[in-house]
């Protein structure tokens, strides 16, 4: 009898078709939360992206579940502790979006310092704001990279092309690992010296609110912040204060404290902000890589279940 797989979120069509050849697959991506809870009891493998919350409530209903597969990087929507306690495998595809997120980060840096979105919007509204739109070069600026796992080195590699000075903070990294990219420094030093700070760390109990009032106070006046990692790494109220006071000249966000920034007071700073709808990994190439890795990892899980 083939394995039974429940697909809770949409995935690449090629991956979906390939997985259907390997197992019995039910597409539950359009079901409500309540319907998902009713349907999960007989499935051995659950596939999710970032949308579905795989919490204790759902896991308790999944009587036959053996593994949770996250098509993507972050595991903050999965109760990993519960899974570990109940011998449920948790698998993800962290390699897939690395290049896409790194490229977006560079794009956001350029967009912030050259005011590209504002220039585009005002010109389309027949406003010729040439002098008001004077920007800054990346050349010679200091880039602080917080987190040096997969994405951080790719950002550093690209930033070097712009002749930027690169500072790196990562508790797990050592001087030898970062030697070809930049200088490994304590967090406080990175915050004090950087013109632009970009976040590439997972959301954990330790990293939640990692950037708050105390950290903003250490930053240069007129610094820039980019967050393509997870929203709650930055304290929302502290970010609002930093933008309001002018401590930050601007920020670019691809992730938020809820699903969207709508309703947040952060929206009042439109001229200082670039807001993206969580598209760091939303490229055709990254999604194809997610699909390929997903097929491979599901195939391995099915073999283990036999």
C-alpha atoms as a PDB file:
ATOM      1  CA  UNK A   1       0.000   0.000   0.000  1.00  0.00           C
ATOM      2  CA  UNK A   2       1.445   3.388  -0.971  1.00  0.00           C
ATOM      3  CA  UNK A   3       2.015   6.188   1.525  1.00  0.00           C
ATOM      4  CA  UNK A   4      -0.752   8.724   2.115  1.00  0.00           C
ATOM      5  CA  UNK A   5       0.237  12.381   1.799  1.00  0.00           C
ATOM      6  CA  UNK A   6      -1.819  15.457   2.659  1.00  0.00           C
ATOM      7  CA  UNK A   7      -0.873  18.659   0.843  1.00  0.00           C
ATOM      8  CA  UNK A   8      -1.975  21.613   2.984  1.00  0.00           C
ATOM      9  CA  UNK A   9      -0.490  24.430   0.874  1.00  0.00           C
ATOM     10  CA  UNK A  10       0.008  24.873  -2.894  1.00  0.00           C
ATOM     11  CA  UNK A  11       3.278  23.659  -4.420  1.00  0.00           C
ATOM     12  CA  UNK A  12       4.900  23.698  -7.854  1.00  0.00           C
ATOM     13  CA  UNK A  13       2.797  21.693 -10.367  1.00  0.00           C
ATOM     14  CA  UNK A  14       5.768  19.618 -11.524  1.00  0.00           C
ATOM     15  CA  UNK A  15       6.470  18.609  -7.913  1.00  0.00           C
ATOM     16  CA  UNK A  16       2.802  17.851  -7.267  1.00  0.00           C
ATOM     17  CA  UNK A  17       2.567  15.615 -10.339  1.00  0.00           C
ATOM     18  CA  UNK A  18       5.800  13.803  -9.433  1.00  0.00           C
ATOM     19  CA  UNK A  19       4.703  13.173  -5.843  1.00  0.00           C
ATOM     20  CA  UNK A  20       1.367  11.793  -7.101  1.00  0.00           C
ATOM     21  CA  UNK A  21       3.397   9.127  -8.913  1.00  0.00           C
ATOM     22  CA  UNK A  22       5.008   8.144  -5.603  1.00  0.00           C
ATOM     23  CA  UNK A  23       2.039   8.083  -3.229  1.00  0.00           C
ATOM     24  CA  UNK A  24      -1.659   8.734  -2.634  1.00  0.00           C
ATOM     25  CA  UNK A  25      -1.889  12.527  -2.454  1.00  0.00           C
ATOM     26  CA  UNK A  26      -4.853  14.628  -1.359  1.00  0.00           C
ATOM     27  CA  UNK A  27      -4.738  18.314  -2.276  1.00  0.00           C
ATOM     28  CA  UNK A  28      -6.146  20.101   0.771  1.00  0.00           C
ATOM     29  CA  UNK A  29      -4.660  23.498  -0.102  1.00  0.00           C
ATOM     30  CA  UNK A  30      -8.098  25.097  -0.514  1.00  0.00           C
ATOM     31  CA  UNK A  31      -9.595  23.641   2.652  1.00  0.00           C
ATOM     32  CA  UNK A  32     -10.377  25.721   5.717  1.00  0.00           C
ATOM     33  CA  UNK A  33      -8.509  25.126   8.963  1.00  0.00           C
ATOM     34  CA  UNK A  34     -11.523  23.267  10.349  1.00  0.00           C
ATOM     35  CA  UNK A  35     -11.704  21.006   7.296  1.00  0.00           C
ATOM     36  CA  UNK A  36      -7.974  20.346   7.471  1.00  0.00           C
ATOM     37  CA  UNK A  37      -8.329  19.214  11.082  1.00  0.00           C
ATOM     38  CA  UNK A  38     -11.097  16.812  10.045  1.00  0.00           C
ATOM     39  CA  UNK A  39      -9.123  15.340   7.142  1.00  0.00           C
ATOM     40  CA  UNK A  40      -5.662  14.825   8.600  1.00  0.00           C
ATOM     41  CA  UNK A  41      -6.207  11.756  10.788  1.00  0.00           C
ATOM     42  CA  UNK A  42      -5.357   9.086   8.187  1.00  0.00           C
ATOM     43  CA  UNK A  43      -2.289  10.672   6.561  1.00  0.00           C
ATOM     44  CA  UNK A  44       1.348   9.730   7.131  1.00  0.00           C
ATOM     45  CA  UNK A  45       3.074  12.742   5.553  1.00  0.00           C
ATOM     46  CA  UNK A  46       1.952  16.375   5.722  1.00  0.00           C
ATOM     47  CA  UNK A  47       3.358  18.915   3.247  1.00  0.00           C
ATOM     48  CA  UNK A  48       3.099  22.624   4.117  1.00  0.00           C
ATOM     49  CA  UNK A  49       4.577  25.975   3.188  1.00  0.00           C
ATOM     50  CA  UNK A  50       4.555  29.002   5.522  1.00  0.00           C
ATOM     51  CA  UNK A  51       0.768  29.478   5.626  1.00  0.00           C
ATOM     52  CA  UNK A  52      -0.410  26.397   7.520  1.00  0.00           C
ATOM     53  CA  UNK A  53       0.169  26.421  11.265  1.00  0.00           C
ATOM     54  CA  UNK A  54       1.307  22.956  12.299  1.00  0.00           C
ATOM     55  CA  UNK A  55       0.598  23.306  16.003  1.00  0.00           C
ATOM     56  CA  UNK A  56      -0.275  20.908  18.804  1.00  0.00           C
ATOM     57  CA  UNK A  57      -3.980  21.097  17.941  1.00  0.00           C
ATOM     58  CA  UNK A  58      -3.359  19.871  14.399  1.00  0.00           C
ATOM     59  CA  UNK A  59      -0.691  17.335  15.347  1.00  0.00           C
ATOM     60  CA  UNK A  60      -2.930  15.690  17.947  1.00  0.00           C
ATOM     61  CA  UNK A  61      -5.505  15.068  15.211  1.00  0.00           C
ATOM     62  CA  UNK A  62      -2.868  13.501  12.959  1.00  0.00           C
ATOM     63  CA  UNK A  63      -2.994  10.021  14.477  1.00  0.00           C
ATOM     64  CA  UNK A  64      -0.973   8.297  11.737  1.00  0.00           C
ATOM     65  CA  UNK A  65       1.440  11.117  10.923  1.00  0.00           C
ATOM     66  CA  UNK A  66       5.118  10.189  10.552  1.00  0.00           C
ATOM     67  CA  UNK A  67       6.602  13.341   9.013  1.00  0.00           C
ATOM     68  CA  UNK A  68       5.999  17.027   8.308  1.00  0.00           C
ATOM     69  CA  UNK A  69       7.622  18.407   5.170  1.00  0.00           C
ATOM     70  CA  UNK A  70       8.085  22.165   4.911  1.00  0.00           C
ATOM     71  CA  UNK A  71       8.450  23.313   1.304  1.00  0.00           C
ATOM     72  CA  UNK A  72      10.754  26.222   2.096  1.00  0.00           C
ATOM     73  CA  UNK A  73      13.081  27.406   4.836  1.00  0.00           C
ATOM     74  CA  UNK A  74      11.542  28.610   8.100  1.00  0.00           C
ATOM     75  CA  UNK A  75      10.092  26.205  10.649  1.00  0.00           C
ATOM     76  CA  UNK A  76       8.438  28.808  12.890  1.00  0.00           C
ATOM     77  CA  UNK A  77       4.960  27.691  11.752  1.00  0.00           C
ATOM     78  CA  UNK A  78       5.701  24.139  12.958  1.00  0.00           C
ATOM     79  CA  UNK A  79       5.752  22.985  16.580  1.00  0.00           C
ATOM     80  CA  UNK A  80       9.125  21.283  16.194  1.00  0.00           C
ATOM     81  CA  UNK A  81       9.383  20.556  19.915  1.00  0.00           C
ATOM     82  CA  UNK A  82       6.109  18.594  19.876  1.00  0.00           C
ATOM     83  CA  UNK A  83       7.250  16.730  16.756  1.00  0.00           C
ATOM     84  CA  UNK A  84      10.545  15.771  18.394  1.00  0.00           C
ATOM     85  CA  UNK A  85       8.773  14.570  21.538  1.00  0.00           C
ATOM     86  CA  UNK A  86       6.478  12.353  19.455  1.00  0.00           C
ATOM     87  CA  UNK A  87       9.104  11.027  17.019  1.00  0.00           C
ATOM     88  CA  UNK A  88       7.701  12.924  14.049  1.00  0.00           C
ATOM     89  CA  UNK A  89      10.262  13.828  11.403  1.00  0.00           C
ATOM     90  CA  UNK A  90      10.454  17.476  10.318  1.00  0.00           C
ATOM     91  CA  UNK A  91      12.059  18.089   6.929  1.00  0.00           C
ATOM     92  CA  UNK A  92      12.510  21.347   4.998  1.00  0.00           C
ATOM     93  CA  UNK A  93      14.189  22.633   1.810  1.00  0.00           C
ATOM     94  CA  UNK A  94      16.426  25.462   3.064  1.00  0.00           C
ATOM     95  CA  UNK A  95      18.753  25.411   0.061  1.00  0.00           C
ATOM     96  CA  UNK A  96      16.116  26.430  -2.476  1.00  0.00           C
ATOM     97  CA  UNK A  97      15.564  30.200  -2.016  1.00  0.00           C
ATOM     98  CA  UNK A  98      19.130  31.247  -1.145  1.00  0.00           C
ATOM     99  CA  UNK A  99      19.990  33.025  -4.399  1.00  0.00           C
ATOM    100  CA  UNK A 100      16.561  34.650  -4.772  1.00  0.00           C
ATOM    101  CA  UNK A 101      16.600  36.122  -1.252  1.00  0.00           C
ATOM    102  CA  UNK A 102      20.188  37.331  -1.651  1.00  0.00           C
ATOM    103  CA  UNK A 103      19.366  39.054  -4.943  1.00  0.00           C
ATOM    104  CA  UNK A 104      16.252  40.656  -3.459  1.00  0.00           C
ATOM    105  CA  UNK A 105      18.344  41.971  -0.558  1.00  0.00           C
ATOM    106  CA  UNK A 106      20.736  43.708  -2.953  1.00  0.00           C
ATOM    107  CA  UNK A 107      17.777  45.083  -4.892  1.00  0.00           C
ATOM    108  CA  UNK A 108      16.260  46.488  -1.708  1.00  0.00           C
ATOM    109  CA  UNK A 109      19.549  48.142  -0.757  1.00  0.00           C
ATOM    110  CA  UNK A 110      19.708  49.896  -4.116  1.00  0.00           C
ATOM    111  CA  UNK A 111      16.031  50.807  -3.932  1.00  0.00           C
ATOM    112  CA  UNK A 112      16.396  52.350  -0.468  1.00  0.00           C
ATOM    113  CA  UNK A 113      19.545  54.360  -1.114  1.00  0.00           C
ATOM    114  CA  UNK A 114      18.474  55.586  -4.564  1.00  0.00           C
ATOM    115  CA  UNK A 115      14.791  56.020  -3.599  1.00  0.00           C
ATOM    116  CA  UNK A 116      13.758  54.039  -6.665  1.00  0.00           C
ATOM    117  CA  UNK A 117      10.130  53.217  -5.696  1.00  0.00           C
ATOM    118  CA  UNK A 118       9.440  56.840  -4.671  1.00  0.00           C
ATOM    119  CA  UNK A 119      11.083  58.172  -7.842  1.00  0.00           C
ATOM    120  CA  UNK A 120       8.957  55.864  -9.962  1.00  0.00           C
ATOM    121  CA  UNK A 121       5.699  56.709  -8.160  1.00  0.00           C
ATOM    122  CA  UNK A 122       6.191  60.487  -8.211  1.00  0.00           C
ATOM    123  CA  UNK A 123       7.282  60.596 -11.855  1.00  0.00           C
ATOM    124  CA  UNK A 124       4.227  58.564 -12.871  1.00  0.00           C
ATOM    125  CA  UNK A 125       2.160  61.170 -10.999  1.00  0.00           C
ATOM    126  CA  UNK A 126       3.771  63.868 -13.203  1.00  0.00           C
ATOM    127  CA  UNK A 127       5.991  65.224 -10.410  1.00  0.00           C
ATOM    128  CA  UNK A 128       9.571  66.042 -11.436  1.00  0.00           C
ATOM    129  CA  UNK A 129      11.467  65.771  -8.133  1.00  0.00           C
ATOM    130  CA  UNK A 130      15.034  65.521  -9.409  1.00  0.00           C
ATOM    131  CA  UNK A 131      16.771  67.412  -6.588  1.00  0.00           C
ATOM    132  CA  UNK A 132      14.576  65.921  -3.841  1.00  0.00           C
ATOM    133  CA  UNK A 133      15.478  62.446  -5.063  1.00  0.00           C
ATOM    134  CA  UNK A 134      19.218  62.765  -4.565  1.00  0.00           C
ATOM    135  CA  UNK A 135      20.350  59.406  -3.228  1.00  0.00           C
ATOM    136  CA  UNK A 136      23.442  57.591  -2.004  1.00  0.00           C
ATOM    137  CA  UNK A 137      25.881  55.091  -3.487  1.00  0.00           C
ATOM    138  CA  UNK A 138      26.496  51.615  -2.130  1.00  0.00           C
ATOM    139  CA  UNK A 139      30.176  52.078  -2.968  1.00  0.00           C
ATOM    140  CA  UNK A 140      32.232  52.475   0.198  1.00  0.00           C
ATOM    141  CA  UNK A 141      29.307  51.925   2.564  1.00  0.00           C
ATOM    142  CA  UNK A 142      29.504  49.478   5.466  1.00  0.00           C
ATOM    143  CA  UNK A 143      27.080  46.570   5.291  1.00  0.00           C
ATOM    144  CA  UNK A 144      26.260  44.679   8.486  1.00  0.00           C
ATOM    145  CA  UNK A 145      25.053  41.123   7.895  1.00  0.00           C
ATOM    146  CA  UNK A 146      23.346  39.481  10.877  1.00  0.00           C
ATOM    147  CA  UNK A 147      23.283  35.740  10.246  1.00  0.00           C
ATOM    148  CA  UNK A 148      25.799  33.925   8.064  1.00  0.00           C
ATOM    149  CA  UNK A 149      24.226  30.580   7.217  1.00  0.00           C
ATOM    150  CA  UNK A 150      23.197  30.084   3.589  1.00  0.00           C
ATOM    151  CA  UNK A 151      21.905  33.501   2.530  1.00  0.00           C
ATOM    152  CA  UNK A 152      24.378  35.749   4.367  1.00  0.00           C
ATOM    153  CA  UNK A 153      27.433  34.630   2.350  1.00  0.00           C
ATOM    154  CA  UNK A 154      25.531  35.085  -0.914  1.00  0.00           C
ATOM    155  CA  UNK A 155      24.623  38.654   0.094  1.00  0.00           C
ATOM    156  CA  UNK A 156      28.241  39.334   1.083  1.00  0.00           C
ATOM    157  CA  UNK A 157      29.544  37.975  -2.219  1.00  0.00           C
ATOM    158  CA  UNK A 158      27.294  40.321  -4.172  1.00  0.00           C
ATOM    159  CA  UNK A 159      27.951  43.315  -1.900  1.00  0.00           C
ATOM    160  CA  UNK A 160      31.694  42.950  -2.496  1.00  0.00           C
ATOM    161  CA  UNK A 161      31.083  43.776  -6.162  1.00  0.00           C
ATOM    162  CA  UNK A 162      29.932  47.221  -4.978  1.00  0.00           C
ATOM    163  CA  UNK A 163      33.166  47.580  -2.952  1.00  0.00           C
ATOM    164  CA  UNK A 164      31.291  47.662   0.332  1.00  0.00           C
ATOM    165  CA  UNK A 165      32.956  47.015   3.689  1.00  0.00           C
ATOM    166  CA  UNK A 166      31.288  43.943   5.184  1.00  0.00           C
ATOM    167  CA  UNK A 167      30.763  43.242   8.884  1.00  0.00           C
ATOM    168  CA  UNK A 168      29.315  39.911  10.008  1.00  0.00           C
ATOM    169  CA  UNK A 169      27.662  38.776  13.225  1.00  0.00           C
ATOM    170  CA  UNK A 170      26.860  35.111  13.709  1.00  0.00           C
ATOM    171  CA  UNK A 171      27.359  33.208  16.951  1.00  0.00           C
ATOM    172  CA  UNK A 172      28.086  29.988  15.071  1.00  0.00           C
ATOM    173  CA  UNK A 173      30.560  31.408  12.561  1.00  0.00           C
ATOM    174  CA  UNK A 174      34.311  31.657  13.037  1.00  0.00           C
ATOM    175  CA  UNK A 175      36.951  33.949  11.563  1.00  0.00           C
ATOM    176  CA  UNK A 176      38.104  31.305   9.087  1.00  0.00           C
ATOM    177  CA  UNK A 177      34.571  30.879   7.667  1.00  0.00           C
ATOM    178  CA  UNK A 178      34.093  34.599   6.981  1.00  0.00           C
ATOM    179  CA  UNK A 179      37.657  35.478   5.964  1.00  0.00           C
ATOM    180  CA  UNK A 180      36.889  35.714   2.241  1.00  0.00           C
ATOM    181  CA  UNK A 181      33.787  37.836   2.813  1.00  0.00           C
ATOM    182  CA  UNK A 182      34.365  40.338   5.599  1.00  0.00           C
ATOM    183  CA  UNK A 183      35.087  40.868   9.283  1.00  0.00           C
ATOM    184  CA  UNK A 184      33.447  38.896  12.103  1.00  0.00           C
ATOM    185  CA  UNK A 185      32.461  41.319  14.873  1.00  0.00           C
ATOM    186  CA  UNK A 186      30.243  41.421  17.995  1.00  0.00           C
ATOM    187  CA  UNK A 187      26.644  42.523  17.413  1.00  0.00           C
ATOM    188  CA  UNK A 188      27.117  45.861  19.194  1.00  0.00           C
ATOM    189  CA  UNK A 189      30.073  46.763  16.974  1.00  0.00           C
ATOM    190  CA  UNK A 190      28.168  45.809  13.836  1.00  0.00           C
ATOM    191  CA  UNK A 191      25.242  48.010  14.864  1.00  0.00           C
ATOM    192  CA  UNK A 192      27.505  50.992  15.604  1.00  0.00           C
ATOM    193  CA  UNK A 193      29.544  50.814  12.403  1.00  0.00           C
ATOM    194  CA  UNK A 194      27.056  49.750   9.714  1.00  0.00           C
ATOM    195  CA  UNK A 195      25.365  52.078   7.238  1.00  0.00           C
ATOM    196  CA  UNK A 196      23.018  49.278   6.183  1.00  0.00           C
ATOM    197  CA  UNK A 197      21.977  46.292   8.309  1.00  0.00           C
ATOM    198  CA  UNK A 198      20.401  43.185   6.812  1.00  0.00           C
ATOM    199  CA  UNK A 199      18.911  40.251   8.724  1.00  0.00           C
ATOM    200  CA  UNK A 200      19.356  36.617   7.702  1.00  0.00           C
ATOM    201  CA  UNK A 201      18.607  34.591  10.834  1.00  0.00           C
ATOM    202  CA  UNK A 202      15.789  32.209  11.794  1.00  0.00           C
ATOM    203  CA  UNK A 203      13.065  33.177  14.245  1.00  0.00           C
ATOM    204  CA  UNK A 204      13.676  31.488  17.600  1.00  0.00           C
ATOM    205  CA  UNK A 205      13.023  32.368  21.236  1.00  0.00           C
ATOM    206  CA  UNK A 206      16.515  33.866  21.273  1.00  0.00           C
ATOM    207  CA  UNK A 207      16.120  35.981  18.131  1.00  0.00           C
ATOM    208  CA  UNK A 208      12.579  37.272  18.736  1.00  0.00           C
ATOM    209  CA  UNK A 209      12.810  41.061  19.342  1.00  0.00           C
ATOM    210  CA  UNK A 210      16.568  40.823  18.802  1.00  0.00           C
ATOM    211  CA  UNK A 211      16.475  44.285  17.215  1.00  0.00           C
ATOM    212  CA  UNK A 212      14.679  46.559  19.672  1.00  0.00           C
ATOM    213  CA  UNK A 213      15.125  49.994  21.312  1.00  0.00           C
ATOM    214  CA  UNK A 214      18.598  49.285  22.707  1.00  0.00           C
ATOM    215  CA  UNK A 215      19.865  48.051  19.342  1.00  0.00           C
ATOM    216  CA  UNK A 216      18.407  50.997  17.412  1.00  0.00           C
ATOM    217  CA  UNK A 217      20.127  53.402  19.835  1.00  0.00           C
ATOM    218  CA  UNK A 218      23.481  51.874  18.917  1.00  0.00           C
ATOM    219  CA  UNK A 219      22.954  52.367  15.184  1.00  0.00           C
ATOM    220  CA  UNK A 220      24.299  55.284  13.185  1.00  0.00           C
ATOM    221  CA  UNK A 221      21.929  58.181  12.667  1.00  0.00           C
ATOM    222  CA  UNK A 222      20.469  57.691   9.209  1.00  0.00           C
ATOM    223  CA  UNK A 223      21.141  53.946   8.991  1.00  0.00           C
ATOM    224  CA  UNK A 224      19.038  51.595   6.865  1.00  0.00           C
ATOM    225  CA  UNK A 225      17.488  48.268   7.904  1.00  0.00           C
ATOM    226  CA  UNK A 226      16.486  45.362   5.654  1.00  0.00           C
ATOM    227  CA  UNK A 227      14.492  42.389   6.935  1.00  0.00           C
ATOM    228  CA  UNK A 228      13.855  39.473   4.598  1.00  0.00           C
ATOM    229  CA  UNK A 229      14.097  36.923   7.439  1.00  0.00           C
ATOM    230  CA  UNK A 230      11.167  36.935   9.893  1.00  0.00           C
ATOM    231  CA  UNK A 231       9.094  39.888  11.111  1.00  0.00           C
ATOM    232  CA  UNK A 232       9.253  39.379  14.900  1.00  0.00           C
ATOM    233  CA  UNK A 233      13.072  39.504  14.894  1.00  0.00           C
ATOM    234  CA  UNK A 234      12.531  43.278  14.865  1.00  0.00           C
ATOM    235  CA  UNK A 235      10.372  44.822  17.579  1.00  0.00           C
ATOM    236  CA  UNK A 236       7.555  46.613  15.762  1.00  0.00           C
ATOM    237  CA  UNK A 237       7.162  49.534  18.177  1.00  0.00           C
ATOM    238  CA  UNK A 238      10.919  50.087  18.347  1.00  0.00           C
ATOM    239  CA  UNK A 239      11.094  50.191  14.538  1.00  0.00           C
ATOM    240  CA  UNK A 240       8.264  52.720  14.409  1.00  0.00           C
ATOM    241  CA  UNK A 241      10.110  54.935  16.918  1.00  0.00           C
ATOM    242  CA  UNK A 242      13.368  54.661  14.977  1.00  0.00           C
ATOM    243  CA  UNK A 243      11.656  55.719  11.742  1.00  0.00           C
ATOM    244  CA  UNK A 244       9.724  58.519  13.437  1.00  0.00           C
ATOM    245  CA  UNK A 245      12.805  59.987  15.122  1.00  0.00           C
ATOM    246  CA  UNK A 246      14.918  59.784  11.981  1.00  0.00           C
ATOM    247  CA  UNK A 247      17.343  57.338  13.574  1.00  0.00           C
ATOM    248  CA  UNK A 248      16.618  55.158  10.553  1.00  0.00           C
ATOM    249  CA  UNK A 249      16.674  56.854   7.170  1.00  0.00           C
ATOM    250  CA  UNK A 250      14.681  53.961   5.785  1.00  0.00           C
ATOM    251  CA  UNK A 251      13.731  50.308   6.035  1.00  0.00           C
ATOM    252  CA  UNK A 252      12.788  47.570   3.590  1.00  0.00           C
ATOM    253  CA  UNK A 253      10.593  44.742   4.851  1.00  0.00           C
ATOM    254  CA  UNK A 254       9.535  41.506   3.206  1.00  0.00           C
ATOM    255  CA  UNK A 255       8.222  40.005   6.458  1.00  0.00           C
ATOM    256  CA  UNK A 256       5.932  41.271   9.206  1.00  0.00           C
ATOM    257  CA  UNK A 257       4.517  40.659  12.675  1.00  0.00           C
ATOM    258  CA  UNK A 258       1.298  39.279  11.240  1.00  0.00           C
ATOM    259  CA  UNK A 259       0.553  37.895   7.810  1.00  0.00           C
ATOM    260  CA  UNK A 260       0.526  41.432   6.340  1.00  0.00           C
ATOM    261  CA  UNK A 261       1.467  44.955   7.530  1.00  0.00           C
ATOM    262  CA  UNK A 262      -2.065  46.202   6.894  1.00  0.00           C
ATOM    263  CA  UNK A 263      -3.406  47.845  10.029  1.00  0.00           C
ATOM    264  CA  UNK A 264       0.065  48.375  11.478  1.00  0.00           C
ATOM    265  CA  UNK A 265       1.217  51.900  12.354  1.00  0.00           C
ATOM    266  CA  UNK A 266       4.298  51.150  10.275  1.00  0.00           C
ATOM    267  CA  UNK A 267       2.209  52.060   7.218  1.00  0.00           C
ATOM    268  CA  UNK A 268       2.394  55.777   8.092  1.00  0.00           C
ATOM    269  CA  UNK A 269       6.057  55.920   6.995  1.00  0.00           C
ATOM    270  CA  UNK A 270       5.443  55.199   3.330  1.00  0.00           C
ATOM    271  CA  UNK A 271       8.168  57.541   2.060  1.00  0.00           C
ATOM    272  CA  UNK A 272      10.794  55.841   4.250  1.00  0.00           C
ATOM    273  CA  UNK A 273       9.622  52.288   3.692  1.00  0.00           C
ATOM    274  CA  UNK A 274       9.730  49.666   1.010  1.00  0.00           C
ATOM    275  CA  UNK A 275       7.132  46.998   1.764  1.00  0.00           C
ATOM    276  CA  UNK A 276       7.089  43.675  -0.051  1.00  0.00           C
ATOM    277  CA  UNK A 277       4.446  40.895   0.146  1.00  0.00           C
ATOM    278  CA  UNK A 278       6.866  38.192   1.379  1.00  0.00           C
ATOM    279  CA  UNK A 279       8.353  37.502  -2.052  1.00  0.00           C
ATOM    280  CA  UNK A 280      11.936  36.676  -1.072  1.00  0.00           C
ATOM    281  CA  UNK A 281      11.681  33.186  -2.530  1.00  0.00           C
ATOM    282  CA  UNK A 282       9.018  34.026  -5.091  1.00  0.00           C
ATOM    283  CA  UNK A 283      10.992  33.461  -8.278  1.00  0.00           C
ATOM    284  CA  UNK A 284      10.410  30.776 -10.888  1.00  0.00           C
ATOM    285  CA  UNK A 285      13.905  29.436 -10.273  1.00  0.00           C
ATOM    286  CA  UNK A 286      13.554  29.205  -6.487  1.00  0.00           C
ATOM    287  CA  UNK A 287      10.149  27.562  -6.729  1.00  0.00           C
ATOM    288  CA  UNK A 288      11.528  25.021  -9.200  1.00  0.00           C
ATOM    289  CA  UNK A 289      14.355  24.236  -6.762  1.00  0.00           C
ATOM    290  CA  UNK A 290      11.842  23.881  -3.916  1.00  0.00           C
ATOM    291  CA  UNK A 291       9.891  21.447  -6.075  1.00  0.00           C
ATOM    292  CA  UNK A 292      12.947  19.373  -6.992  1.00  0.00           C
ATOM    293  CA  UNK A 293      14.113  19.168  -3.369  1.00  0.00           C
ATOM    294  CA  UNK A 294      10.591  18.360  -2.230  1.00  0.00           C
ATOM    295  CA  UNK A 295      10.356  15.412  -4.616  1.00  0.00           C
ATOM    296  CA  UNK A 296      13.710  14.100  -3.422  1.00  0.00           C
ATOM    297  CA  UNK A 297      12.886  14.426   0.270  1.00  0.00           C
ATOM    298  CA  UNK A 298       9.401  12.934  -0.059  1.00  0.00           C
ATOM    299  CA  UNK A 299      10.883   9.995  -1.965  1.00  0.00           C
ATOM    300  CA  UNK A 300      13.350   9.420   0.891  1.00  0.00           C
ATOM    301  CA  UNK A 301      10.586   9.586   3.497  1.00  0.00           C
ATOM    302  CA  UNK A 302       8.413   7.110   1.606  1.00  0.00           C
ATOM    303  CA  UNK A 303      11.336   4.679   1.402  1.00  0.00           C
ATOM    304  CA  UNK A 304      11.817   4.989   5.176  1.00  0.00           C
ATOM    305  CA  UNK A 305       8.120   4.335   5.834  1.00  0.00           C
ATOM    306  CA  UNK A 306       8.135   1.006   3.952  1.00  0.00           C
END
